Amino acid sequence: MVQPGRIDEHLLNLGFVKSLSKATLYDKLKDNDVLIMSLYVDDLLVTGSNELLVEEFKQEMMNVFEMTDLGFMTYFLGMEVKQSQNEVFIC
């Protein structure tokens, strides 16, 4: 498992800003795009307005930390998540 201080330091070095209200939520603005990353125990949830930036971020994290890309989220905190091109359904 990644040490919280180590991942926090790395995200800040990449230009992410830590949320003041949620210690596990980070965002990064680049030009007109945004990346949003949430850390929950040993899972990272990543989304953004630019698919290429999301992929670059995932590759960066996999190069630095031992990680596996599990693809689209299907379950989170006991909720089922279904995603399509323009919507996300949570049940």
PDB file of N, CA and C in Angstrom:
ATOM      1  N   MET A   1       0.846  -1.180   0.000  1.00  0.00           N
ATOM      2  CA  MET A   1       0.000   0.000   0.000  1.00  0.00           C
ATOM      3  C   MET A   1       0.890   1.242   0.000  1.00  0.00           C
ATOM      4  N   VAL A   2       0.493   2.249  -0.716  1.00  0.00           N
ATOM      5  CA  VAL A   2       1.246   3.496  -0.828  1.00  0.00           C
ATOM      6  C   VAL A   2       1.095   4.297   0.463  1.00  0.00           C
ATOM      7  N   GLN A   3       2.185   4.848   0.962  1.00  0.00           N
ATOM      8  CA  GLN A   3       2.125   5.695   2.152  1.00  0.00           C
ATOM      9  C   GLN A   3       1.436   7.008   1.791  1.00  0.00           C
ATOM     10  N   PRO A   4       0.459   7.440   2.611  1.00  0.00           N
ATOM     11  CA  PRO A   4      -0.299   8.656   2.299  1.00  0.00           C
ATOM     12  C   PRO A   4       0.577   9.886   2.090  1.00  0.00           C
ATOM     13  N   GLY A   5       1.599  10.085   2.887  1.00  0.00           N
ATOM     14  CA  GLY A   5       2.468  11.242   2.730  1.00  0.00           C
ATOM     15  C   GLY A   5       3.223  11.232   1.422  1.00  0.00           C
ATOM     16  N   ARG A   6       3.623  10.051   0.974  1.00  0.00           N
ATOM     17  CA  ARG A   6       4.373   9.930  -0.276  1.00  0.00           C
ATOM     18  C   ARG A   6       3.508  10.274  -1.485  1.00  0.00           C
ATOM     19  N   ILE A   7       2.297   9.750  -1.500  1.00  0.00           N
ATOM     20  CA  ILE A   7       1.419  10.037  -2.641  1.00  0.00           C
ATOM     21  C   ILE A   7       0.978  11.501  -2.603  1.00  0.00           C
ATOM     22  N   ASP A   8       0.725  12.032  -1.414  1.00  0.00           N
ATOM     23  CA  ASP A   8       0.351  13.442  -1.274  1.00  0.00           C
ATOM     24  C   ASP A   8       1.459  14.333  -1.825  1.00  0.00           C
ATOM     25  N   GLU A   9       2.674  14.062  -1.453  1.00  0.00           N
ATOM     26  CA  GLU A   9       3.812  14.855  -1.929  1.00  0.00           C
ATOM     27  C   GLU A   9       3.945  14.770  -3.442  1.00  0.00           C
ATOM     28  N   HIS A  10       3.778  13.569  -3.992  1.00  0.00           N
ATOM     29  CA  HIS A  10       3.909  13.393  -5.440  1.00  0.00           C
ATOM     30  C   HIS A  10       2.814  14.158  -6.186  1.00  0.00           C
ATOM     31  N   LEU A  11       1.569  14.075  -5.704  1.00  0.00           N
ATOM     32  CA  LEU A  11       0.470  14.791  -6.356  1.00  0.00           C
ATOM     33  C   LEU A  11       0.682  16.298  -6.312  1.00  0.00           C
ATOM     34  N   LEU A  12       1.141  16.808  -5.187  1.00  0.00           N
ATOM     35  CA  LEU A  12       1.414  18.245  -5.073  1.00  0.00           C
ATOM     36  C   LEU A  12       2.537  18.652  -6.027  1.00  0.00           C
ATOM     37  N   ASN A  13       3.558  17.806  -6.163  1.00  0.00           N
ATOM     38  CA  ASN A  13       4.652  18.082  -7.104  1.00  0.00           C
ATOM     39  C   ASN A  13       4.185  18.073  -8.554  1.00  0.00           C
ATOM     40  N   LEU A  14       3.122  17.322  -8.844  1.00  0.00           N
ATOM     41  CA  LEU A  14       2.562  17.291 -10.202  1.00  0.00           C
ATOM     42  C   LEU A  14       1.644  18.476 -10.478  1.00  0.00           C
ATOM     43  N   GLY A  15       1.420  19.311  -9.475  1.00  0.00           N
ATOM     44  CA  GLY A  15       0.594  20.495  -9.676  1.00  0.00           C
ATOM     45  C   GLY A  15      -0.840  20.354  -9.202  1.00  0.00           C
ATOM     46  N   PHE A  16      -1.147  19.261  -8.527  1.00  0.00           N
ATOM     47  CA  PHE A  16      -2.490  19.094  -7.975  1.00  0.00           C
ATOM     48  C   PHE A  16      -2.653  19.974  -6.743  1.00  0.00           C
ATOM     49  N   VAL A  17      -3.888  20.375  -6.491  1.00  0.00           N
ATOM     50  CA  VAL A  17      -4.232  21.156  -5.305  1.00  0.00           C
ATOM     51  C   VAL A  17      -5.131  20.282  -4.448  1.00  0.00           C
ATOM     52  N   LYS A  18      -4.806  20.199  -3.169  1.00  0.00           N
ATOM     53  CA  LYS A  18      -5.591  19.388  -2.241  1.00  0.00           C
ATOM     54  C   LYS A  18      -6.822  20.168  -1.791  1.00  0.00           C
ATOM     55  N   SER A  19      -7.956  19.498  -1.764  1.00  0.00           N
ATOM     56  CA  SER A  19      -9.198  20.114  -1.319  1.00  0.00           C
ATOM     57  C   SER A  19      -9.097  20.528   0.140  1.00  0.00           C
ATOM     58  N   LEU A  20      -9.622  21.697   0.463  1.00  0.00           N
ATOM     59  CA  LEU A  20      -9.635  22.158   1.842  1.00  0.00           C
ATOM     60  C   LEU A  20     -10.695  21.429   2.667  1.00  0.00           C
ATOM     61  N   SER A  21     -11.752  20.943   2.013  1.00  0.00           N
ATOM     62  CA  SER A  21     -12.834  20.296   2.743  1.00  0.00           C
ATOM     63  C   SER A  21     -12.746  18.770   2.742  1.00  0.00           C
ATOM     64  N   LYS A  22     -12.026  18.195   1.812  1.00  0.00           N
ATOM     65  CA  LYS A  22     -11.918  16.733   1.714  1.00  0.00           C
ATOM     66  C   LYS A  22     -10.452  16.377   1.479  1.00  0.00           C
ATOM     67  N   ALA A  23      -9.791  15.843   2.493  1.00  0.00           N
ATOM     68  CA  ALA A  23      -8.341  15.611   2.451  1.00  0.00           C
ATOM     69  C   ALA A  23      -7.911  14.610   1.378  1.00  0.00           C
ATOM     70  N   THR A  24      -8.826  13.810   0.860  1.00  0.00           N
ATOM     71  CA  THR A  24      -8.460  12.802  -0.137  1.00  0.00           C
ATOM     72  C   THR A  24      -8.816  13.213  -1.561  1.00  0.00           C
ATOM     73  N   LEU A  25      -9.219  14.463  -1.755  1.00  0.00           N
ATOM     74  CA  LEU A  25      -9.638  14.953  -3.065  1.00  0.00           C
ATOM     75  C   LEU A  25      -8.638  15.981  -3.576  1.00  0.00           C
ATOM     76  N   TYR A  26      -8.214  15.802  -4.826  1.00  0.00           N
ATOM     77  CA  TYR A  26      -7.227  16.689  -5.446  1.00  0.00           C
ATOM     78  C   TYR A  26      -7.750  17.114  -6.816  1.00  0.00           C
ATOM     79  N   ASP A  27      -7.367  18.305  -7.241  1.00  0.00           N
ATOM     80  CA  ASP A  27      -7.690  18.708  -8.605  1.00  0.00           C
ATOM     81  C   ASP A  27      -6.501  19.453  -9.200  1.00  0.00           C
ATOM     82  N   LYS A  28      -6.484  19.441 -10.517  1.00  0.00           N
ATOM     83  CA  LYS A  28      -5.406  20.104 -11.258  1.00  0.00           C
ATOM     84  C   LYS A  28      -6.020  20.754 -12.489  1.00  0.00           C
ATOM     85  N   LEU A  29      -5.751  22.029 -12.646  1.00  0.00           N
ATOM     86  CA  LEU A  29      -6.194  22.748 -13.832  1.00  0.00           C
ATOM     87  C   LEU A  29      -5.019  22.885 -14.787  1.00  0.00           C
ATOM     88  N   LYS A  30      -5.264  22.588 -16.058  1.00  0.00           N
ATOM     89  CA  LYS A  30      -4.234  22.739 -17.088  1.00  0.00           C
ATOM     90  C   LYS A  30      -4.916  23.323 -18.308  1.00  0.00           C
ATOM     91  N   ASP A  31      -4.543  24.554 -18.618  1.00  0.00           N
ATOM     92  CA  ASP A  31      -5.216  25.298 -19.687  1.00  0.00           C
ATOM     93  C   ASP A  31      -6.712  25.345 -19.369  1.00  0.00           C
ATOM     94  N   ASN A  32      -7.556  24.818 -20.239  1.00  0.00           N
ATOM     95  CA  ASN A  32      -9.000  24.806 -19.990  1.00  0.00           C
ATOM     96  C   ASN A  32      -9.503  23.454 -19.498  1.00  0.00           C
ATOM     97  N   ASP A  33      -8.575  22.574 -19.112  1.00  0.00           N
ATOM     98  CA  ASP A  33      -8.948  21.227 -18.690  1.00  0.00           C
ATOM     99  C   ASP A  33      -8.753  21.055 -17.197  1.00  0.00           C
ATOM    100  N   VAL A  34      -9.460  20.082 -16.651  1.00  0.00           N
ATOM    101  CA  VAL A  34      -9.357  19.782 -15.226  1.00  0.00           C
ATOM    102  C   VAL A  34      -9.171  18.271 -15.052  1.00  0.00           C
ATOM    103  N   LEU A  35      -8.329  17.909 -14.077  1.00  0.00           N
ATOM    104  CA  LEU A  35      -8.188  16.524 -13.630  1.00  0.00           C
ATOM    105  C   LEU A  35      -8.654  16.483 -12.185  1.00  0.00           C
ATOM    106  N   ILE A  36      -9.424  15.482 -11.838  1.00  0.00           N
ATOM    107  CA  ILE A  36      -9.891  15.311 -10.471  1.00  0.00           C
ATOM    108  C   ILE A  36      -9.491  13.911 -10.026  1.00  0.00           C
ATOM    109  N   MET A  37      -8.891  13.822  -8.833  1.00  0.00           N
ATOM    110  CA  MET A  37      -8.412  12.554  -8.332  1.00  0.00           C
ATOM    111  C   MET A  37      -8.829  12.413  -6.874  1.00  0.00           C
ATOM    112  N   SER A  38      -9.386  11.260  -6.548  1.00  0.00           N
ATOM    113  CA  SER A  38      -9.766  10.972  -5.174  1.00  0.00           C
ATOM    114  C   SER A  38      -9.060   9.695  -4.737  1.00  0.00           C
ATOM    115  N   LEU A  39      -8.509   9.722  -3.548  1.00  0.00           N
ATOM    116  CA  LEU A  39      -7.816   8.577  -2.973  1.00  0.00           C
ATOM    117  C   LEU A  39      -8.701   7.979  -1.895  1.00  0.00           C
ATOM    118  N   TYR A  40      -9.043   6.700  -2.037  1.00  0.00           N
ATOM    119  CA  TYR A  40      -9.846   6.012  -1.026  1.00  0.00           C
ATOM    120  C   TYR A  40      -9.125   4.725  -0.660  1.00  0.00           C
ATOM    121  N   VAL A  41      -8.575   4.661   0.529  1.00  0.00           N
ATOM    122  CA  VAL A  41      -7.772   3.555   1.043  1.00  0.00           C
ATOM    123  C   VAL A  41      -6.638   3.286   0.062  1.00  0.00           C
ATOM    124  N   ASP A  42      -6.743   2.261  -0.769  1.00  0.00           N
ATOM    125  CA  ASP A  42      -5.674   1.996  -1.738  1.00  0.00           C
ATOM    126  C   ASP A  42      -6.182   2.088  -3.177  1.00  0.00           C
ATOM    127  N   ASP A  43      -7.266   2.809  -3.380  1.00  0.00           N
ATOM    128  CA  ASP A  43      -7.816   3.018  -4.723  1.00  0.00           C
ATOM    129  C   ASP A  43      -7.740   4.485  -5.103  1.00  0.00           C
ATOM    130  N   LEU A  44      -7.416   4.731  -6.357  1.00  0.00           N
ATOM    131  CA  LEU A  44      -7.453   6.085  -6.912  1.00  0.00           C
ATOM    132  C   LEU A  44      -8.605   6.142  -7.902  1.00  0.00           C
ATOM    133  N   LEU A  45      -9.445   7.139  -7.767  1.00  0.00           N
ATOM    134  CA  LEU A  45     -10.487   7.403  -8.747  1.00  0.00           C
ATOM    135  C   LEU A  45     -10.071   8.645  -9.507  1.00  0.00           C
ATOM    136  N   VAL A  46     -10.012   8.539 -10.817  1.00  0.00           N
ATOM    137  CA  VAL A  46      -9.515   9.640 -11.642  1.00  0.00           C
ATOM    138  C   VAL A  46     -10.536   9.962 -12.720  1.00  0.00           C
ATOM    139  N   THR A  47     -10.791  11.254 -12.890  1.00  0.00           N
ATOM    140  CA  THR A  47     -11.645  11.699 -13.981  1.00  0.00           C
ATOM    141  C   THR A  47     -11.140  13.058 -14.448  1.00  0.00           C
ATOM    142  N   GLY A  48     -11.618  13.479 -15.577  1.00  0.00           N
ATOM    143  CA  GLY A  48     -11.197  14.777 -16.085  1.00  0.00           C
ATOM    144  C   GLY A  48     -11.912  15.138 -17.363  1.00  0.00           C
ATOM    145  N   SER A  49     -11.683  16.345 -17.783  1.00  0.00           N
ATOM    146  CA  SER A  49     -12.336  16.847 -18.988  1.00  0.00           C
ATOM    147  C   SER A  49     -11.592  16.486 -20.269  1.00  0.00           C
ATOM    148  N   ASN A  50     -10.373  15.941 -20.120  1.00  0.00           N
ATOM    149  CA  ASN A  50      -9.544  15.616 -21.280  1.00  0.00           C
ATOM    150  C   ASN A  50      -9.021  14.193 -21.109  1.00  0.00           C
ATOM    151  N   GLU A  51      -9.480  13.299 -21.960  1.00  0.00           N
ATOM    152  CA  GLU A  51      -9.112  11.878 -21.844  1.00  0.00           C
ATOM    153  C   GLU A  51      -7.601  11.664 -21.934  1.00  0.00           C
ATOM    154  N   LEU A  52      -6.923  12.427 -22.779  1.00  0.00           N
ATOM    155  CA  LEU A  52      -5.470  12.293 -22.906  1.00  0.00           C
ATOM    156  C   LEU A  52      -4.768  12.655 -21.596  1.00  0.00           C
ATOM    157  N   LEU A  53      -5.200  13.715 -20.932  1.00  0.00           N
ATOM    158  CA  LEU A  53      -4.601  14.092 -19.648  1.00  0.00           C
ATOM    159  C   LEU A  53      -4.837  13.022 -18.588  1.00  0.00           C
ATOM    160  N   VAL A  54      -6.016  12.419 -18.602  1.00  0.00           N
ATOM    161  CA  VAL A  54      -6.309  11.334 -17.657  1.00  0.00           C
ATOM    162  C   VAL A  54      -5.359  10.168 -17.909  1.00  0.00           C
ATOM    163  N   GLU A  55      -5.185   9.787 -19.162  1.00  0.00           N
ATOM    164  CA  GLU A  55      -4.286   8.672 -19.500  1.00  0.00           C
ATOM    165  C   GLU A  55      -2.840   8.988 -19.137  1.00  0.00           C
ATOM    166  N   GLU A  56      -2.397  10.220 -19.406  1.00  0.00           N
ATOM    167  CA  GLU A  56      -1.031  10.614 -19.045  1.00  0.00           C
ATOM    168  C   GLU A  56      -0.828  10.551 -17.534  1.00  0.00           C
ATOM    169  N   PHE A  57      -1.823  10.991 -16.771  1.00  0.00           N
ATOM    170  CA  PHE A  57      -1.734  10.935 -15.326  1.00  0.00           C
ATOM    171  C   PHE A  57      -1.647   9.487 -14.841  1.00  0.00           C
ATOM    172  N   LYS A  58      -2.482   8.620 -15.392  1.00  0.00           N
ATOM    173  CA  LYS A  58      -2.451   7.212 -14.982  1.00  0.00           C
ATOM    174  C   LYS A  58      -1.092   6.591 -15.272  1.00  0.00           C
ATOM    175  N   GLN A  59      -0.523   6.881 -16.435  1.00  0.00           N
ATOM    176  CA  GLN A  59       0.795   6.341 -16.768  1.00  0.00           C
ATOM    177  C   GLN A  59       1.862   6.873 -15.810  1.00  0.00           C
ATOM    178  N   GLU A  60       1.803   8.162 -15.493  1.00  0.00           N
ATOM    179  CA  GLU A  60       2.741   8.763 -14.543  1.00  0.00           C
ATOM    180  C   GLU A  60       2.674   8.050 -13.194  1.00  0.00           C
ATOM    181  N   MET A  61       1.458   7.820 -12.715  1.00  0.00           N
ATOM    182  CA  MET A  61       1.293   7.167 -11.411  1.00  0.00           C
ATOM    183  C   MET A  61       1.777   5.718 -11.447  1.00  0.00           C
ATOM    184  N   MET A  62       1.530   5.014 -12.542  1.00  0.00           N
ATOM    185  CA  MET A  62       1.983   3.625 -12.657  1.00  0.00           C
ATOM    186  C   MET A  62       3.497   3.536 -12.778  1.00  0.00           C
ATOM    187  N   ASN A  63       4.140   4.584 -13.314  1.00  0.00           N
ATOM    188  CA  ASN A  63       5.595   4.612 -13.391  1.00  0.00           C
ATOM    189  C   ASN A  63       6.235   4.827 -12.026  1.00  0.00           C
ATOM    190  N   VAL A  64       5.561   5.534 -11.139  1.00  0.00           N
ATOM    191  CA  VAL A  64       6.121   5.886  -9.839  1.00  0.00           C
ATOM    192  C   VAL A  64       5.681   4.910  -8.748  1.00  0.00           C
ATOM    193  N   PHE A  65       4.440   4.458  -8.801  1.00  0.00           N
ATOM    194  CA  PHE A  65       3.880   3.583  -7.776  1.00  0.00           C
ATOM    195  C   PHE A  65       3.473   2.256  -8.411  1.00  0.00           C
ATOM    196  N   GLU A  66       3.434   1.213  -7.606  1.00  0.00           N
ATOM    197  CA  GLU A  66       2.976  -0.084  -8.087  1.00  0.00           C
ATOM    198  C   GLU A  66       1.458  -0.038  -8.172  1.00  0.00           C
ATOM    199  N   MET A  67       0.947   0.054  -9.397  1.00  0.00           N
ATOM    200  CA  MET A  67      -0.490   0.221  -9.614  1.00  0.00           C
ATOM    201  C   MET A  67      -0.937  -0.568 -10.823  1.00  0.00           C
ATOM    202  N   THR A  68      -2.239  -0.815 -10.849  1.00  0.00           N
ATOM    203  CA  THR A  68      -2.882  -1.454 -11.985  1.00  0.00           C
ATOM    204  C   THR A  68      -4.099  -0.615 -12.366  1.00  0.00           C
ATOM    205  N   ASP A  69      -4.289  -0.382 -13.645  1.00  0.00           N
ATOM    206  CA  ASP A  69      -5.464   0.339 -14.128  1.00  0.00           C
ATOM    207  C   ASP A  69      -6.605  -0.663 -14.246  1.00  0.00           C
ATOM    208  N   LEU A  70      -7.638  -0.484 -13.448  1.00  0.00           N
ATOM    209  CA  LEU A  70      -8.780  -1.396 -13.454  1.00  0.00           C
ATOM    210  C   LEU A  70      -9.878  -0.951 -14.407  1.00  0.00           C
ATOM    211  N   GLY A  71      -9.641   0.116 -15.164  1.00  0.00           N
ATOM    212  CA  GLY A  71     -10.629   0.573 -16.140  1.00  0.00           C
ATOM    213  C   GLY A  71     -11.735   1.373 -15.487  1.00  0.00           C
ATOM    214  N   PHE A  72     -12.887   1.366 -16.137  1.00  0.00           N
ATOM    215  CA  PHE A  72     -14.025   2.123 -15.627  1.00  0.00           C
ATOM    216  C   PHE A  72     -14.477   1.580 -14.282  1.00  0.00           C
ATOM    217  N   MET A  73     -14.886   2.466 -13.413  1.00  0.00           N
ATOM    218  CA  MET A  73     -15.387   2.097 -12.107  1.00  0.00           C
ATOM    219  C   MET A  73     -16.710   1.356 -12.270  1.00  0.00           C
ATOM    220  N   THR A  74     -16.841   0.219 -11.541  1.00  0.00           N
ATOM    221  CA  THR A  74     -18.084  -0.539 -11.571  1.00  0.00           C
ATOM    222  C   THR A  74     -18.740  -0.602 -10.192  1.00  0.00           C
ATOM    223  N   TYR A  75     -17.934  -0.543  -9.136  1.00  0.00           N
ATOM    224  CA  TYR A  75     -18.449  -0.508  -7.762  1.00  0.00           C
ATOM    225  C   TYR A  75     -17.638   0.481  -6.955  1.00  0.00           C
ATOM    226  N   PHE A  76     -18.305   1.228  -6.069  1.00  0.00           N
ATOM    227  CA  PHE A  76     -17.614   2.165  -5.194  1.00  0.00           C
ATOM    228  C   PHE A  76     -18.429   2.327  -3.924  1.00  0.00           C
ATOM    229  N   LEU A  77     -17.824   2.035  -2.785  1.00  0.00           N
ATOM    230  CA  LEU A  77     -18.469   2.158  -1.476  1.00  0.00           C
ATOM    231  C   LEU A  77     -19.822   1.453  -1.431  1.00  0.00           C
ATOM    232  N   GLY A  78     -19.877   0.247  -2.019  1.00  0.00           N
ATOM    233  CA  GLY A  78     -21.092  -0.549  -2.003  1.00  0.00           C
ATOM    234  C   GLY A  78     -22.121  -0.172  -3.040  1.00  0.00           C
ATOM    235  N   MET A  79     -21.818   0.784  -3.880  1.00  0.00           N
ATOM    236  CA  MET A  79     -22.755   1.207  -4.927  1.00  0.00           C
ATOM    237  C   MET A  79     -22.275   0.695  -6.279  1.00  0.00           C
ATOM    238  N   GLU A  80     -23.223   0.263  -7.106  1.00  0.00           N
ATOM    239  CA  GLU A  80     -22.901  -0.146  -8.461  1.00  0.00           C
ATOM    240  C   GLU A  80     -22.909   1.082  -9.359  1.00  0.00           C
ATOM    241  N   VAL A  81     -21.915   1.170 -10.230  1.00  0.00           N
ATOM    242  CA  VAL A  81     -21.783   2.317 -11.129  1.00  0.00           C
ATOM    243  C   VAL A  81     -21.766   1.808 -12.563  1.00  0.00           C
ATOM    244  N   LYS A  82     -22.671   2.340 -13.373  1.00  0.00           N
ATOM    245  CA  LYS A  82     -22.711   2.003 -14.800  1.00  0.00           C
ATOM    246  C   LYS A  82     -22.442   3.278 -15.579  1.00  0.00           C
ATOM    247  N   GLN A  83     -21.525   3.184 -16.539  1.00  0.00           N
ATOM    248  CA  GLN A  83     -21.136   4.363 -17.306  1.00  0.00           C
ATOM    249  C   GLN A  83     -21.373   4.134 -18.789  1.00  0.00           C
ATOM    250  N   SER A  84     -21.807   5.191 -19.437  1.00  0.00           N
ATOM    251  CA  SER A  84     -21.925   5.186 -20.893  1.00  0.00           C
ATOM    252  C   SER A  84     -21.263   6.460 -21.399  1.00  0.00           C
ATOM    253  N   GLN A  85     -21.372   6.720 -22.657  1.00  0.00           N
ATOM    254  CA  GLN A  85     -20.687   7.855 -23.275  1.00  0.00           C
ATOM    255  C   GLN A  85     -20.983   9.187 -22.590  1.00  0.00           C
ATOM    256  N   ASN A  86     -22.243   9.446 -22.269  1.00  0.00           N
ATOM    257  CA  ASN A  86     -22.616  10.763 -21.753  1.00  0.00           C
ATOM    258  C   ASN A  86     -23.276  10.751 -20.387  1.00  0.00           C
ATOM    259  N   GLU A  87     -23.248   9.611 -19.689  1.00  0.00           N
ATOM    260  CA  GLU A  87     -23.916   9.567 -18.398  1.00  0.00           C
ATOM    261  C   GLU A  87     -23.297   8.533 -17.466  1.00  0.00           C
ATOM    262  N   VAL A  88     -23.567   8.727 -16.196  1.00  0.00           N
ATOM    263  CA  VAL A  88     -23.157   7.791 -15.159  1.00  0.00           C
ATOM    264  C   VAL A  88     -24.394   7.476 -14.330  1.00  0.00           C
ATOM    265  N   PHE A  89     -24.674   6.197 -14.142  1.00  0.00           N
ATOM    266  CA  PHE A  89     -25.814   5.753 -13.365  1.00  0.00           C
ATOM    267  C   PHE A  89     -25.299   5.048 -12.115  1.00  0.00           C
ATOM    268  N   ILE A  90     -25.762   5.473 -10.933  1.00  0.00           N
ATOM    269  CA  ILE A  90     -25.330   4.891  -9.659  1.00  0.00           C
ATOM    270  C   ILE A  90     -26.551   4.258  -9.014  1.00  0.00           C
ATOM    271  N   CYS A  91     -26.407   2.975  -8.619  1.00  0.00           N
ATOM    272  CA  CYS A  91     -27.526   2.295  -7.956  1.00  0.00           C
ATOM    273  C   CYS A  91     -27.016   1.435  -6.795  1.00  0.00           C
TER     274      CYS A  91
END
